[in-house]
């Protein structure tokens, strides 16, 4: 179930284009291994937004997983991440890369892990390029900063 206290929102407006996503994650340390558990609780389209449910929006889900896997690689500890919700706006505001980046930021803030500011800027620049070259529905590779 979604917990409002765990919502992380990222929104920017750059070069005439909006970027927006909300992720709701439960994050706790794990003694054995990294885990990502998908527990989407959304109801689909409502009020000009998409609240991702168990079925559909697969590219958005894969984008978030890609972002969380990148974030986990920034830590020397093991974590259990439960994805409770993903909310975005269709067509111009949200895509898999934006959702993945929002997941990265949520993880870093929650765990208080600090990464190099230059790397963080490179990731954000990658996100700003996610609407170009027909990349909007492609899955981001945050390590190499390419779309697959």
N, C-alpha and C. Protein backbone atom coordinates (compact mmCIF):
# COMPACT_ATOMS: atom_id res chain seq x y z
N UNK A 1 0.83 -1.19 0.00
CA UNK A 1 0.00 0.00 0.00
C UNK A 1 0.87 1.25 0.00
N UNK A 2 0.42 2.26 -0.69
CA UNK A 2 1.16 3.51 -0.82
C UNK A 2 1.14 4.28 0.49
N UNK A 3 2.29 4.82 0.86
CA UNK A 3 2.42 5.63 2.06
C UNK A 3 2.83 7.02 1.63
N UNK A 4 1.97 8.00 1.83
CA UNK A 4 2.25 9.37 1.39
C UNK A 4 3.57 9.90 1.93
N UNK A 5 3.99 9.48 3.09
CA UNK A 5 5.24 9.96 3.67
C UNK A 5 6.46 9.50 2.92
N UNK A 6 6.30 8.51 2.03
CA UNK A 6 7.44 7.98 1.29
C UNK A 6 7.48 8.49 -0.15
N UNK A 7 6.58 9.40 -0.53
CA UNK A 7 6.58 9.96 -1.88
C UNK A 7 7.81 10.83 -2.09
N UNK A 8 8.43 10.66 -3.24
CA UNK A 8 9.52 11.53 -3.65
C UNK A 8 9.14 12.09 -5.01
N UNK A 9 9.11 13.40 -5.12
CA UNK A 9 8.70 14.09 -6.34
C UNK A 9 9.89 14.82 -6.93
N UNK A 10 10.05 14.68 -8.26
CA UNK A 10 11.05 15.46 -8.99
C UNK A 10 10.36 16.15 -10.14
N UNK A 11 10.53 17.45 -10.22
CA UNK A 11 9.90 18.22 -11.27
C UNK A 11 10.84 19.34 -11.68
N UNK A 12 11.07 19.46 -12.98
CA UNK A 12 11.88 20.54 -13.52
C UNK A 12 11.22 21.00 -14.81
N UNK A 13 11.53 22.22 -15.18
CA UNK A 13 11.11 22.76 -16.46
C UNK A 13 12.37 23.30 -17.11
N UNK A 14 12.77 22.71 -18.24
CA UNK A 14 14.02 23.10 -18.88
C UNK A 14 13.84 23.08 -20.40
N UNK A 15 14.36 24.11 -21.04
CA UNK A 15 14.30 24.22 -22.49
C UNK A 15 12.89 24.07 -23.03
N UNK A 16 11.94 24.67 -22.33
CA UNK A 16 10.56 24.66 -22.78
C UNK A 16 9.81 23.35 -22.58
N UNK A 17 10.37 22.46 -21.80
CA UNK A 17 9.75 21.14 -21.62
C UNK A 17 9.67 20.79 -20.14
N UNK A 18 8.51 20.26 -19.70
CA UNK A 18 8.39 19.83 -18.31
C UNK A 18 8.89 18.40 -18.11
N UNK A 19 9.44 18.15 -16.94
CA UNK A 19 9.93 16.83 -16.53
C UNK A 19 9.32 16.56 -15.17
N UNK A 20 8.66 15.40 -15.00
CA UNK A 20 7.91 15.17 -13.78
C UNK A 20 7.79 13.69 -13.47
N UNK A 21 7.95 13.33 -12.20
CA UNK A 21 7.65 11.97 -11.73
C UNK A 21 7.54 11.98 -10.21
N UNK A 22 6.75 11.05 -9.71
CA UNK A 22 6.66 10.77 -8.28
C UNK A 22 6.89 9.28 -8.10
N UNK A 23 7.76 8.92 -7.18
CA UNK A 23 7.94 7.52 -6.81
C UNK A 23 7.69 7.38 -5.32
N UNK A 24 7.16 6.25 -4.94
CA UNK A 24 6.91 5.96 -3.54
C UNK A 24 7.65 4.66 -3.24
N UNK A 25 8.71 4.76 -2.45
CA UNK A 25 9.58 3.62 -2.16
C UNK A 25 9.71 3.41 -0.66
N UNK A 26 9.73 2.17 -0.25
CA UNK A 26 10.13 1.80 1.11
C UNK A 26 11.55 1.25 1.00
N UNK A 27 12.47 1.82 1.76
CA UNK A 27 13.87 1.44 1.65
C UNK A 27 14.40 1.10 3.02
N UNK A 28 15.01 -0.08 3.12
CA UNK A 28 15.62 -0.49 4.39
C UNK A 28 16.87 -1.32 4.10
N UNK A 29 17.78 -1.33 5.04
CA UNK A 29 19.00 -2.13 4.89
C UNK A 29 18.65 -3.62 4.89
N UNK A 30 19.48 -4.37 4.18
CA UNK A 30 19.33 -5.82 4.13
C UNK A 30 20.69 -6.42 4.44
N UNK A 31 20.72 -7.49 5.18
CA UNK A 31 21.99 -8.11 5.59
C UNK A 31 22.59 -9.01 4.53
N UNK A 32 21.78 -9.48 3.58
CA UNK A 32 22.24 -10.54 2.69
C UNK A 32 22.49 -10.07 1.26
N UNK A 33 21.53 -9.33 0.68
CA UNK A 33 21.66 -8.96 -0.73
C UNK A 33 20.76 -7.76 -1.05
N UNK A 34 20.99 -7.17 -2.22
CA UNK A 34 20.09 -6.13 -2.71
C UNK A 34 18.83 -6.77 -3.25
N UNK A 35 17.69 -6.13 -2.95
CA UNK A 35 16.41 -6.62 -3.43
C UNK A 35 15.57 -5.45 -3.91
N UNK A 36 14.88 -5.64 -5.02
CA UNK A 36 13.89 -4.67 -5.48
C UNK A 36 12.58 -5.44 -5.63
N UNK A 37 11.59 -5.01 -4.86
CA UNK A 37 10.29 -5.68 -4.86
C UNK A 37 9.27 -4.74 -5.48
N UNK A 38 8.60 -5.21 -6.52
CA UNK A 38 7.60 -4.40 -7.20
C UNK A 38 6.23 -4.65 -6.58
N UNK A 39 5.64 -3.60 -6.04
CA UNK A 39 4.34 -3.69 -5.36
C UNK A 39 3.48 -2.49 -5.77
N UNK A 40 3.31 -2.32 -7.08
CA UNK A 40 2.58 -1.17 -7.60
C UNK A 40 1.13 -1.21 -7.14
N UNK A 41 0.62 -0.07 -6.74
CA UNK A 41 -0.74 -0.03 -6.19
C UNK A 41 -1.65 0.92 -6.94
N UNK A 42 -1.23 1.38 -8.12
CA UNK A 42 -1.97 2.40 -8.85
C UNK A 42 -3.24 1.90 -9.53
N UNK A 43 -4.00 2.87 -9.99
CA UNK A 43 -5.28 2.58 -10.63
C UNK A 43 -5.29 2.99 -12.11
N UNK A 44 -4.15 3.36 -12.66
CA UNK A 44 -4.09 3.74 -14.07
C UNK A 44 -4.29 5.23 -14.27
N UNK A 45 -4.98 5.59 -15.34
CA UNK A 45 -5.21 7.00 -15.68
C UNK A 45 -6.26 7.61 -14.78
N UNK A 46 -5.95 8.81 -14.27
CA UNK A 46 -6.92 9.56 -13.50
C UNK A 46 -6.47 11.01 -13.40
N UNK A 47 -7.39 11.92 -13.64
CA UNK A 47 -7.11 13.36 -13.50
C UNK A 47 -5.82 13.80 -14.20
N UNK A 48 -5.66 13.42 -15.44
CA UNK A 48 -4.51 13.82 -16.26
C UNK A 48 -3.18 13.29 -15.74
N UNK A 49 -3.20 12.21 -15.03
CA UNK A 49 -1.96 11.58 -14.58
C UNK A 49 -2.11 10.06 -14.69
N UNK A 50 -0.99 9.39 -14.54
CA UNK A 50 -0.99 7.93 -14.56
C UNK A 50 -0.44 7.45 -13.23
N UNK A 51 -1.19 6.65 -12.55
CA UNK A 51 -0.79 6.02 -11.29
C UNK A 51 -0.58 4.55 -11.63
N UNK A 52 0.67 4.13 -11.77
CA UNK A 52 1.02 2.82 -12.31
C UNK A 52 0.50 1.69 -11.42
N UNK A 53 -0.16 0.74 -12.08
CA UNK A 53 -0.70 -0.43 -11.39
C UNK A 53 0.12 -1.67 -11.70
N UNK A 54 -0.37 -2.80 -11.27
CA UNK A 54 0.34 -4.07 -11.49
C UNK A 54 0.47 -4.42 -12.97
N UNK A 55 -0.49 -4.04 -13.78
CA UNK A 55 -0.48 -4.33 -15.21
C UNK A 55 -0.20 -3.06 -16.00
N UNK A 56 0.57 -3.19 -17.08
CA UNK A 56 0.81 -2.07 -17.99
C UNK A 56 1.97 -1.18 -17.58
N UNK A 57 2.23 -0.19 -18.42
CA UNK A 57 3.29 0.80 -18.21
C UNK A 57 4.65 0.13 -17.98
N UNK A 58 4.91 -0.90 -18.75
CA UNK A 58 6.13 -1.69 -18.55
C UNK A 58 7.41 -0.89 -18.76
N UNK A 59 7.42 0.04 -19.72
CA UNK A 59 8.65 0.82 -19.93
C UNK A 59 8.92 1.73 -18.74
N UNK A 60 7.89 2.26 -18.13
CA UNK A 60 8.08 3.09 -16.94
C UNK A 60 8.66 2.25 -15.81
N UNK A 61 8.13 1.05 -15.63
CA UNK A 61 8.62 0.16 -14.58
C UNK A 61 10.08 -0.22 -14.83
N UNK A 62 10.41 -0.55 -16.08
CA UNK A 62 11.79 -0.90 -16.40
C UNK A 62 12.73 0.28 -16.21
N UNK A 63 12.26 1.49 -16.50
CA UNK A 63 13.07 2.68 -16.27
C UNK A 63 13.38 2.86 -14.79
N UNK A 64 12.38 2.64 -13.95
CA UNK A 64 12.59 2.76 -12.50
C UNK A 64 13.55 1.70 -12.00
N UNK A 65 13.39 0.47 -12.46
CA UNK A 65 14.30 -0.61 -12.05
C UNK A 65 15.73 -0.25 -12.47
N UNK A 66 15.91 0.26 -13.69
CA UNK A 66 17.24 0.65 -14.16
C UNK A 66 17.84 1.72 -13.25
N UNK A 67 17.04 2.69 -12.86
CA UNK A 67 17.52 3.73 -11.96
C UNK A 67 17.89 3.19 -10.59
N UNK A 68 17.04 2.32 -10.06
CA UNK A 68 17.31 1.76 -8.73
C UNK A 68 18.54 0.84 -8.75
N UNK A 69 18.72 0.09 -9.82
CA UNK A 69 19.92 -0.75 -9.92
C UNK A 69 21.18 0.11 -9.98
N UNK A 70 21.11 1.23 -10.69
CA UNK A 70 22.24 2.16 -10.71
C UNK A 70 22.49 2.70 -9.30
N UNK A 71 21.43 3.12 -8.62
CA UNK A 71 21.57 3.68 -7.27
C UNK A 71 22.17 2.65 -6.32
N UNK A 72 21.72 1.40 -6.41
CA UNK A 72 22.26 0.35 -5.55
C UNK A 72 23.76 0.16 -5.79
N UNK A 73 24.20 0.36 -7.01
CA UNK A 73 25.62 0.21 -7.33
C UNK A 73 26.47 1.31 -6.70
N UNK A 74 25.85 2.36 -6.20
CA UNK A 74 26.56 3.46 -5.55
C UNK A 74 26.78 3.21 -4.06
N UNK A 75 26.26 2.10 -3.57
CA UNK A 75 26.36 1.79 -2.14
C UNK A 75 27.20 0.55 -1.92
N UNK A 76 27.93 0.55 -0.81
CA UNK A 76 28.69 -0.64 -0.42
C UNK A 76 27.88 -1.54 0.51
N UNK A 77 26.66 -1.12 0.82
CA UNK A 77 25.78 -1.91 1.69
C UNK A 77 24.66 -2.52 0.86
N UNK A 78 23.93 -3.46 1.45
CA UNK A 78 22.80 -4.10 0.79
C UNK A 78 21.50 -3.42 1.24
N UNK A 79 20.55 -3.36 0.30
CA UNK A 79 19.29 -2.67 0.56
C UNK A 79 18.11 -3.46 0.02
N UNK A 80 16.98 -3.32 0.69
CA UNK A 80 15.71 -3.85 0.21
C UNK A 80 14.84 -2.64 -0.15
N UNK A 81 14.46 -2.56 -1.41
CA UNK A 81 13.63 -1.46 -1.89
C UNK A 81 12.29 -2.04 -2.34
N UNK A 82 11.21 -1.53 -1.77
CA UNK A 82 9.88 -1.92 -2.21
C UNK A 82 9.28 -0.74 -2.95
N UNK A 83 8.91 -0.98 -4.19
CA UNK A 83 8.27 0.05 -5.01
C UNK A 83 6.78 -0.01 -4.73
N UNK A 84 6.25 1.04 -4.14
CA UNK A 84 4.84 1.09 -3.80
C UNK A 84 4.01 1.80 -4.87
N UNK A 85 4.59 2.82 -5.49
CA UNK A 85 3.82 3.59 -6.47
C UNK A 85 4.75 4.38 -7.38
N UNK A 86 4.24 4.62 -8.57
CA UNK A 86 4.87 5.51 -9.55
C UNK A 86 3.74 6.33 -10.15
N UNK A 87 3.93 7.64 -10.16
CA UNK A 87 2.92 8.53 -10.73
C UNK A 87 3.61 9.46 -11.71
N UNK A 88 3.00 9.64 -12.86
CA UNK A 88 3.55 10.54 -13.86
C UNK A 88 2.45 11.15 -14.69
N UNK A 89 2.87 11.98 -15.63
CA UNK A 89 1.95 12.60 -16.57
C UNK A 89 2.30 12.10 -17.96
N UNK A 90 1.29 11.72 -18.74
CA UNK A 90 1.56 11.14 -20.06
C UNK A 90 2.06 12.16 -21.07
N UNK A 91 2.68 11.68 -22.09
CA UNK A 91 3.10 12.35 -23.32
C UNK A 91 4.27 13.31 -23.16
N UNK A 92 4.16 14.40 -22.42
CA UNK A 92 5.25 15.38 -22.41
C UNK A 92 5.99 15.52 -21.10
N UNK A 93 5.49 14.98 -20.03
CA UNK A 93 6.09 15.23 -18.74
C UNK A 93 6.91 14.07 -18.19
N UNK A 94 6.52 12.84 -18.48
CA UNK A 94 7.11 11.68 -17.83
C UNK A 94 7.50 10.63 -18.86
N UNK A 95 8.65 10.01 -18.62
CA UNK A 95 9.09 8.88 -19.45
C UNK A 95 9.94 7.97 -18.57
N UNK A 96 10.38 6.81 -19.07
CA UNK A 96 11.14 5.87 -18.23
C UNK A 96 12.41 6.47 -17.62
N UNK A 97 13.09 7.34 -18.36
CA UNK A 97 14.34 7.92 -17.85
C UNK A 97 14.07 8.87 -16.69
N UNK A 98 13.04 9.67 -16.81
CA UNK A 98 12.68 10.60 -15.74
C UNK A 98 12.30 9.82 -14.48
N UNK A 99 11.54 8.75 -14.66
CA UNK A 99 11.15 7.93 -13.50
C UNK A 99 12.37 7.27 -12.87
N UNK A 100 13.26 6.74 -13.70
CA UNK A 100 14.48 6.12 -13.17
C UNK A 100 15.32 7.11 -12.39
N UNK A 101 15.48 8.31 -12.92
CA UNK A 101 16.26 9.34 -12.24
C UNK A 101 15.61 9.74 -10.91
N UNK A 102 14.30 9.84 -10.92
CA UNK A 102 13.59 10.17 -9.67
C UNK A 102 13.82 9.07 -8.63
N UNK A 103 13.84 7.82 -9.08
CA UNK A 103 14.15 6.71 -8.17
C UNK A 103 15.57 6.82 -7.61
N UNK A 104 16.52 7.21 -8.45
CA UNK A 104 17.90 7.40 -7.99
C UNK A 104 17.94 8.46 -6.90
N UNK A 105 17.32 9.61 -7.16
CA UNK A 105 17.32 10.70 -6.19
C UNK A 105 16.63 10.30 -4.88
N UNK A 106 15.52 9.57 -4.99
CA UNK A 106 14.81 9.13 -3.79
C UNK A 106 15.69 8.20 -2.96
N UNK A 107 16.37 7.28 -3.62
CA UNK A 107 17.26 6.35 -2.92
C UNK A 107 18.40 7.09 -2.24
N UNK A 108 19.05 7.99 -2.97
CA UNK A 108 20.18 8.73 -2.40
C UNK A 108 19.75 9.56 -1.19
N UNK A 109 18.61 10.21 -1.30
CA UNK A 109 18.14 11.04 -0.18
C UNK A 109 17.78 10.18 1.04
N UNK A 110 17.08 9.10 0.80
CA UNK A 110 16.64 8.24 1.91
C UNK A 110 17.82 7.59 2.62
N UNK A 111 18.80 7.12 1.86
CA UNK A 111 19.94 6.40 2.44
C UNK A 111 21.07 7.32 2.86
N UNK A 112 20.97 8.59 2.47
CA UNK A 112 21.99 9.60 2.75
C UNK A 112 23.33 9.25 2.09
N UNK A 113 23.27 8.52 0.98
CA UNK A 113 24.47 8.23 0.20
C UNK A 113 24.78 9.45 -0.66
N UNK A 114 26.02 9.81 -0.71
CA UNK A 114 26.45 10.98 -1.49
C UNK A 114 27.27 10.49 -2.68
N UNK A 115 26.88 10.97 -3.86
CA UNK A 115 27.68 10.66 -5.04
C UNK A 115 28.28 11.96 -5.57
N UNK A 116 29.27 11.82 -6.41
CA UNK A 116 29.98 12.95 -6.99
C UNK A 116 29.00 13.91 -7.69
N UNK A 117 29.15 15.21 -7.44
CA UNK A 117 28.25 16.20 -8.02
C UNK A 117 28.34 16.21 -9.54
N UNK A 118 29.52 15.95 -10.06
CA UNK A 118 29.68 15.92 -11.52
C UNK A 118 28.89 14.74 -12.11
N UNK A 119 28.93 13.59 -11.46
CA UNK A 119 28.17 12.44 -11.92
C UNK A 119 26.68 12.74 -11.85
N UNK A 120 26.24 13.35 -10.77
CA UNK A 120 24.83 13.70 -10.63
C UNK A 120 24.40 14.66 -11.74
N UNK A 121 25.26 15.61 -12.10
CA UNK A 121 24.94 16.53 -13.19
C UNK A 121 24.89 15.81 -14.53
N UNK A 122 25.79 14.85 -14.73
CA UNK A 122 25.76 14.06 -15.97
C UNK A 122 24.46 13.26 -16.07
N UNK A 123 24.02 12.71 -14.96
CA UNK A 123 22.76 11.97 -14.95
C UNK A 123 21.58 12.89 -15.28
N UNK A 124 21.58 14.08 -14.69
CA UNK A 124 20.49 15.01 -14.96
C UNK A 124 20.51 15.46 -16.42
N UNK A 125 21.68 15.71 -16.98
CA UNK A 125 21.79 16.07 -18.40
C UNK A 125 21.28 14.93 -19.28
N UNK A 126 21.56 13.70 -18.89
CA UNK A 126 21.06 12.53 -19.59
C UNK A 126 19.53 12.53 -19.60
N UNK A 127 18.94 12.86 -18.46
CA UNK A 127 17.49 12.93 -18.35
C UNK A 127 16.94 14.00 -19.29
N UNK A 128 17.59 15.15 -19.36
CA UNK A 128 17.11 16.23 -20.23
C UNK A 128 17.16 15.83 -21.70
N UNK A 129 18.02 14.90 -22.05
CA UNK A 129 18.09 14.42 -23.42
C UNK A 129 17.13 13.29 -23.72
N UNK A 130 16.33 12.89 -22.74
CA UNK A 130 15.49 11.70 -22.90
C UNK A 130 14.30 11.90 -23.83
N UNK A 131 13.98 13.12 -24.19
CA UNK A 131 12.88 13.36 -25.13
C UNK A 131 13.40 13.49 -26.56
N UNK A 132 14.70 13.48 -26.76
CA UNK A 132 15.28 13.65 -28.08
C UNK A 132 15.55 12.29 -28.74
N UNK A 133 15.68 12.29 -30.03
CA UNK A 133 16.10 11.13 -30.80
C UNK A 133 15.19 9.92 -30.58
N UNK A 134 13.89 10.15 -30.42
CA UNK A 134 12.93 9.06 -30.22
C UNK A 134 13.29 8.16 -29.03
N UNK A 135 13.82 8.76 -27.99
CA UNK A 135 14.25 7.99 -26.81
C UNK A 135 13.21 7.95 -25.70
N UNK A 136 12.08 8.58 -25.89
CA UNK A 136 11.10 8.75 -24.82
C UNK A 136 10.58 7.45 -24.25
N UNK A 137 10.48 6.40 -25.04
CA UNK A 137 9.98 5.13 -24.52
C UNK A 137 11.07 4.07 -24.40
N UNK A 138 12.30 4.47 -24.63
CA UNK A 138 13.41 3.53 -24.50
C UNK A 138 13.83 3.42 -23.04
N UNK A 139 14.48 2.33 -22.72
CA UNK A 139 14.91 2.08 -21.34
C UNK A 139 16.28 2.71 -21.14
N UNK A 140 16.44 3.49 -20.09
CA UNK A 140 17.73 4.15 -19.85
C UNK A 140 18.77 3.19 -19.28
N UNK A 141 20.00 3.37 -19.71
CA UNK A 141 21.15 2.70 -19.09
C UNK A 141 21.91 3.82 -18.40
N UNK A 142 21.74 3.95 -17.10
CA UNK A 142 22.32 5.07 -16.37
C UNK A 142 23.83 4.94 -16.23
N UNK A 143 24.36 3.73 -16.28
CA UNK A 143 25.82 3.55 -16.19
C UNK A 143 26.52 4.13 -17.40
N UNK A 144 26.00 3.84 -18.59
CA UNK A 144 26.63 4.30 -19.82
C UNK A 144 25.95 5.52 -20.42
N UNK A 145 24.83 5.91 -19.82
CA UNK A 145 24.03 7.03 -20.26
C UNK A 145 23.67 6.93 -21.74
N UNK A 146 23.04 5.79 -22.04
CA UNK A 146 22.50 5.54 -23.37
C UNK A 146 21.09 4.98 -23.21
N UNK A 147 20.33 4.99 -24.32
CA UNK A 147 18.97 4.46 -24.31
C UNK A 147 18.96 3.15 -25.05
N UNK A 148 18.32 2.14 -24.48
CA UNK A 148 18.30 0.81 -25.08
C UNK A 148 16.89 0.42 -25.49
